[in-house]
Protein backbone atom coordinates (compact mmCIF):
# COMPACT_ATOMS: atom_id res chain seq x y z
CA MET A 1 -75.64 14.39 33.83
CA ALA A 2 -75.56 17.58 34.47
CA ASP A 3 -78.67 19.31 36.82
CA THR A 4 -81.66 20.26 34.57
CA ALA A 5 -84.16 23.21 35.60
CA SER A 6 -87.48 22.76 37.13
CA LEU A 7 -90.04 23.54 33.91
CA MET A 8 -91.64 26.72 35.12
CA ASP A 9 -93.33 28.06 32.17
CA TRP A 10 -96.62 26.10 31.95
CA SER A 11 -97.69 27.33 28.93
CA ASP A 12 -99.37 25.09 26.26
CA GLU A 13 -96.17 25.33 23.91
CA MET A 14 -93.80 24.33 27.11
CA ARG A 15 -96.61 21.59 27.69
CA GLU A 16 -96.83 19.93 24.24
CA GLU A 17 -92.68 20.15 24.11
CA HIS A 18 -92.71 18.24 27.73
CA PHE A 19 -95.34 15.85 26.31
CA ARG A 20 -93.50 15.33 22.45
CA ARG A 21 -89.96 14.53 24.84
CA THR A 22 -91.69 11.88 27.09
CA ALA A 23 -93.58 10.15 23.81
CA ARG A 24 -90.75 10.22 21.42
CA GLY A 25 -87.45 10.93 23.09
CA GLY A 26 -87.16 7.17 25.10
CA TRP A 27 -89.48 7.11 27.73
CA SER A 28 -92.02 5.04 26.24
CA ARG A 29 -89.28 2.08 25.99
CA ILE A 30 -88.47 2.75 29.69
CA ARG A 31 -90.21 -0.15 32.61
CA PRO A 32 -92.21 -0.01 34.33
CA MET A 33 -94.73 1.53 31.71
CA VAL A 34 -96.12 3.72 34.50
CA THR A 35 -92.91 5.33 34.45
CA MET A 36 -94.15 7.61 31.03
CA MET A 37 -97.71 7.79 32.17
CA LEU A 38 -96.43 9.66 35.13
CA LEU A 39 -94.15 12.11 33.37
CA ILE A 40 -97.01 12.78 31.05
CA GLY A 41 -99.95 13.28 33.51
CA THR A 42 -96.90 15.49 35.26
CA VAL A 43 -97.84 18.54 33.01
CA MET A 44 -101.69 17.57 32.46
CA GLU A 45 -103.10 20.21 34.21
CA GLY A 46 -100.87 23.61 33.75
CA ALA A 47 -99.80 22.96 37.28
CA PRO A 48 -97.65 21.15 39.49
CA PHE A 49 -99.33 18.30 41.00
CA ALA A 50 -98.24 17.06 44.63
CA ARG A 51 -97.40 13.01 44.30
CA GLU A 52 -101.23 12.12 45.25
CA GLU A 53 -102.57 14.02 42.61
CA LEU A 54 -100.68 12.82 40.05
CA GLY A 55 -101.80 9.04 40.70
CA PRO A 56 -105.29 8.99 38.46
CA PHE A 57 -102.45 8.98 35.76
CA ALA A 58 -101.08 6.14 36.57
CA ALA A 59 -104.68 4.09 37.20
CA THR A 60 -105.32 1.13 35.89
CA LYS A 61 -108.29 -1.72 35.70
CA ALA A 62 -106.47 -3.17 38.69
CA ASN A 63 -105.65 0.27 40.18
CA PRO A 64 -108.74 2.38 39.54
CA ALA A 65 -108.14 5.32 41.99
CA GLY A 66 -104.73 5.43 40.69
CA ALA A 67 -102.91 4.27 44.66
CA LEU A 68 -99.32 5.34 45.23
CA THR A 69 -99.31 2.14 47.49
CA HIS A 70 -100.24 -0.07 44.17
CA SER A 71 -97.79 -2.24 42.24
CA CYS A 72 -95.89 -0.68 39.66
CA TRP A 73 -95.87 -3.70 37.37
CA ASP A 74 -98.91 -4.93 35.08
CA THR A 75 -99.47 -8.36 35.82
CA GLY A 76 -101.64 -11.29 35.13
CA ASP A 77 -104.51 -11.92 32.69
CA ASP A 78 -103.54 -8.09 30.81
CA LEU A 79 -100.37 -9.55 29.60
CA ASP A 80 -99.85 -11.57 26.54
CA GLU A 81 -97.43 -15.00 26.40
CA ASP A 82 -94.81 -12.38 24.94
CA GLU A 83 -95.44 -9.32 27.68
CA GLN A 84 -95.27 -12.42 30.82
CA ALA A 85 -91.96 -13.83 29.21
CA ALA A 86 -90.42 -10.10 28.88
CA LEU A 87 -91.65 -9.30 32.67
CA PRO A 88 -88.55 -10.69 34.60
CA GLY A 89 -86.11 -8.86 32.47
CA GLU A 90 -88.16 -5.67 32.34
CA ILE A 91 -87.93 -5.80 36.48
CA ALA A 92 -84.36 -6.78 36.27
CA ASP A 93 -83.41 -3.62 34.52
CA ALA A 94 -86.15 -1.47 36.36
CA THR A 95 -83.88 -2.58 39.80
CA ARG A 96 -80.55 -1.87 38.50
CA TYR A 97 -81.98 1.63 37.68
CA ALA A 98 -82.80 2.06 40.95
CA ALA A 99 -79.82 0.70 42.43
CA HIS A 100 -78.03 3.21 40.87
CA TYR A 101 -79.65 5.86 43.13
CA GLY A 102 -79.35 3.23 46.02
CA LEU A 103 -82.64 2.86 45.91
CA PRO A 104 -84.51 -0.93 46.76
CA PRO A 105 -86.28 -2.53 43.66
CA LEU A 106 -89.60 -1.01 42.13
CA GLU A 107 -92.58 -2.09 43.79
CA THR A 108 -94.94 0.16 44.04
CA ILE A 109 -96.49 3.59 42.23
CA ASP A 110 -94.50 5.84 44.39
CA ASP A 111 -91.38 3.51 44.22
CA VAL A 112 -91.31 4.86 40.47
CA ILE A 113 -91.86 9.04 41.71
CA THR A 114 -88.75 8.62 43.97
CA LEU A 115 -86.52 6.92 41.25
CA LEU A 116 -87.89 9.99 38.87
CA VAL A 117 -86.95 12.44 41.96
CA ALA A 118 -83.52 10.60 42.63
CA ALA A 119 -82.61 10.63 38.66
CA LYS A 120 -83.64 14.70 38.43
CA VAL A 121 -86.27 13.81 36.07
CA LEU A 122 -88.88 15.63 38.66
CA HIS A 123 -88.06 18.01 40.75
CA GLU A 124 -90.41 17.82 44.01
CA ILE A 125 -90.64 21.51 45.28
CA PRO A 126 -92.31 23.24 47.74
CA ASP A 127 -94.73 25.51 47.35
CA SER A 128 -96.00 29.08 49.00
CA SER A 129 -98.05 26.60 51.56
CA GLY A 130 -94.79 24.23 52.04
CA GLN A 131 -96.78 21.63 50.00
CA LEU A 132 -94.22 19.71 48.03
CA ARG A 133 -95.14 19.66 44.51
CA LEU A 134 -93.71 17.88 41.11
CA HIS A 135 -91.98 19.45 38.79
CA PRO A 136 -90.71 17.86 35.64
CA ALA A 137 -87.16 19.05 34.79
CA HIS A 138 -86.67 21.33 31.48
CA PRO A 139 -85.76 19.97 29.24
CA LEU A 140 -86.80 16.46 29.95
CA PRO A 141 -83.63 14.25 30.38
CA PHE A 142 -83.48 11.57 28.02
CA PRO A 143 -83.41 7.89 29.88
CA SER A 144 -79.70 7.27 28.75
CA ASP A 145 -78.85 10.88 30.58
CA VAL A 146 -79.73 9.28 34.14
CA LEU A 147 -80.20 5.70 33.79
CA PRO A 148 -77.72 3.02 33.59
CA LEU A 149 -78.71 1.43 30.28
CA THR A 150 -77.17 -1.42 28.38
CA ALA A 151 -75.37 -1.19 25.10
CA GLU A 152 -78.78 -2.63 23.54
CA GLU A 153 -80.48 -0.32 25.45
CA GLU A 154 -78.52 2.61 24.29
CA GLN A 155 -78.64 2.00 20.53
CA VAL A 156 -82.69 1.64 20.80
CA GLN A 157 -82.44 5.16 22.31
CA ARG A 158 -80.38 6.68 19.74
CA GLU A 159 -83.14 5.23 17.09
CA LEU A 160 -85.68 6.65 19.47
CA ARG A 161 -83.80 10.07 19.76
CA MET A 162 -83.41 10.73 15.95
CA SER A 163 -87.24 9.62 15.76
CA LEU A 164 -87.39 13.14 17.91
CA ILE A 165 -85.37 15.29 16.15
CA TYR A 166 -86.89 14.47 12.69
CA SER A 167 -90.05 14.37 13.54
CA ASP A 168 -91.60 17.39 12.84
CA ASP A 169 -89.99 17.28 9.48
CA SER A 170 -91.35 13.43 8.70
CA PHE A 171 -95.07 15.11 9.52
CA GLU A 172 -94.58 18.03 7.11
CA ILE A 173 -93.86 15.25 4.35
CA ILE A 174 -96.84 13.53 5.29
CA GLY A 175 -98.79 17.22 4.69
CA LEU A 176 -98.07 16.30 1.39
CA PHE A 177 -100.03 13.50 0.88
CA GLU A 178 -102.76 14.92 2.53
CA PRO A 179 -103.30 18.04 0.39
CA GLU A 180 -107.12 19.64 1.45
CA GLY A 181 -108.33 16.57 2.92
CA ARG A 182 -107.63 14.35 0.63
CA ARG A 183 -105.24 10.99 0.99
CA LEU A 184 -102.66 10.09 -1.92
CA GLU A 185 -101.06 7.22 -2.16
CA GLU A 186 -98.00 8.42 -4.14
CA VAL A 187 -95.67 11.99 -4.65
CA THR A 188 -93.30 12.23 -6.65
CA THR A 189 -90.17 14.45 -5.87
CA SER A 190 -86.86 15.11 -4.35
CA LEU A 191 -84.75 15.13 -1.44
CA GLN A 192 -83.74 19.31 -2.64
CA ARG A 193 -87.63 19.42 -3.15
CA LEU A 194 -88.69 18.02 0.32
CA ALA A 195 -86.18 20.44 1.57
CA ARG A 196 -88.09 23.20 0.45
CA VAL A 197 -90.87 21.69 1.84
CA ILE A 198 -89.33 21.25 5.55
CA ASP A 199 -87.75 24.54 5.35
CA GLY A 200 -84.22 22.44 6.00
CA ASP A 201 -81.40 21.09 3.93
CA PRO A 202 -81.16 18.14 1.83
CA HIS A 203 -80.02 15.78 4.59
CA ASP A 204 -82.51 17.03 7.14
CA ALA A 205 -84.81 15.38 3.83
CA ARG A 206 -82.93 12.13 3.72
CA GLN A 207 -83.16 11.43 7.62
CA ALA A 208 -87.01 12.35 7.71
CA VAL A 209 -87.82 10.19 4.47
CA LEU A 210 -85.86 7.38 6.42
CA LEU A 211 -87.63 7.89 9.64
CA LEU A 212 -90.56 7.21 7.56
CA LEU A 213 -89.51 4.46 5.86
CA GLY A 214 -88.64 2.98 9.31
CA GLN A 215 -92.19 3.12 10.14
CA GLY A 216 -92.97 0.28 7.30
CA ASP A 217 -96.54 2.22 5.77
CA PHE A 218 -94.07 4.70 3.78
CA THR A 219 -91.74 3.17 0.72
CA ALA A 220 -89.63 4.57 -1.83
CA THR A 221 -88.96 4.10 -5.49
CA GLU A 222 -85.18 4.60 -4.82
CA ASP A 223 -82.61 3.95 -2.26
CA VAL A 224 -83.01 7.00 -0.44
CA THR A 225 -79.50 6.69 1.60
CA ALA A 226 -77.94 6.93 -1.37
CA ILE A 227 -79.35 8.74 -3.65
CA ALA A 228 -78.32 12.21 -4.94
CA THR A 229 -80.74 14.82 -3.75
CA HIS A 230 -81.77 15.94 -7.23
CA LYS A 231 -82.68 12.88 -8.55
CA VAL A 232 -86.87 12.24 -8.47
CA PHE A 233 -87.93 9.53 -6.85
CA ARG A 234 -91.86 8.70 -5.66
CA LEU A 235 -92.19 8.30 -2.19
CA GLN A 236 -95.51 5.81 -1.29
CA CYS A 237 -97.95 5.48 1.33
CA ASP A 238 -100.31 2.62 2.42
CA TRP A 239 -102.95 4.19 4.44
CA GLU A 240 -104.50 1.10 5.81
CA LYS A 241 -100.71 0.56 7.59
CA PHE A 242 -100.77 4.15 8.59
CA ASP A 243 -103.77 4.08 10.19
CA ARG A 244 -103.30 0.66 12.00
CA SER A 245 -99.47 1.39 13.64
CA ARG A 246 -99.58 5.30 13.85
CA ILE A 247 -100.43 7.76 16.76
CA ALA A 248 -101.02 11.42 15.51
CA ILE A 249 -100.01 13.98 17.89
CA HIS A 250 -102.12 17.10 17.49
CA GLY A 251 -100.83 19.06 20.67
CA VAL A 252 -102.63 20.82 22.89
CA ASN A 253 -106.66 21.76 22.15
CA ASP A 254 -108.33 24.99 23.76
CA GLU A 255 -109.50 22.80 26.69
CA GLY A 256 -105.64 22.52 27.50
CA GLN A 257 -105.64 18.64 27.01
CA ILE A 258 -103.27 16.44 24.36
CA ALA A 259 -104.75 16.08 21.75
CA VAL A 260 -103.85 12.86 19.70
CA THR A 261 -105.59 10.45 17.42
CA LEU A 262 -104.97 6.68 18.60
CA PRO A 263 -104.15 3.88 16.00
CA GLU A 264 -107.28 1.51 15.24
CA ASP A 265 -105.37 -1.58 16.20
């Protein structure tokens, strides 16, 4: 991977871009889960943190203070049976990531930060007083850029990158279902019409619709993978499924905080 620059522009726009790339660019699938929380935390205050200041963003019930010496792995009663079964494989994957950079297996939160610095996902730079502070790389690399992923992991990451590319377009289409605050269950449209909505072309519209269909809360009356761009079809939304499964990202609010709406589940 080519070296990336450090984030120096801490504007709301750049922070939101970093957040979106973290949440939708594949890092949500990398374990331990604290990896994503640390990356999100790096931009939450609009200025770079020292390591120990980043710890609270990794706080859990077992580690309420976010001590960096605490285990980076969730274990015990908080995990269901499937999560417990997956844990050994996740630890093995993370051990492979660390070994790629000559590091020992990940045990603590501080170990995770060390791996992110070694991979140049985070840059540890001294400030004017000599205090080392963590600047995320900009643009934030995808996991496949910096970690030795398996073929299966790579496929998942490709799908997540498609989500990142077309998520904004899909949100524009979702907006058609909420005119003036109302919630419509169906919209009659075509790929050509949707292209105008997203200010793109029919290929972009097709990919955005396929992204919606892949979530399970939208359905179409035609095969969108093969439909002609001018052909009219009905796009339908199941709002009950929508509310159960989606995290809505609303950008940065007036207080500089990332605003999200969590799923009902």
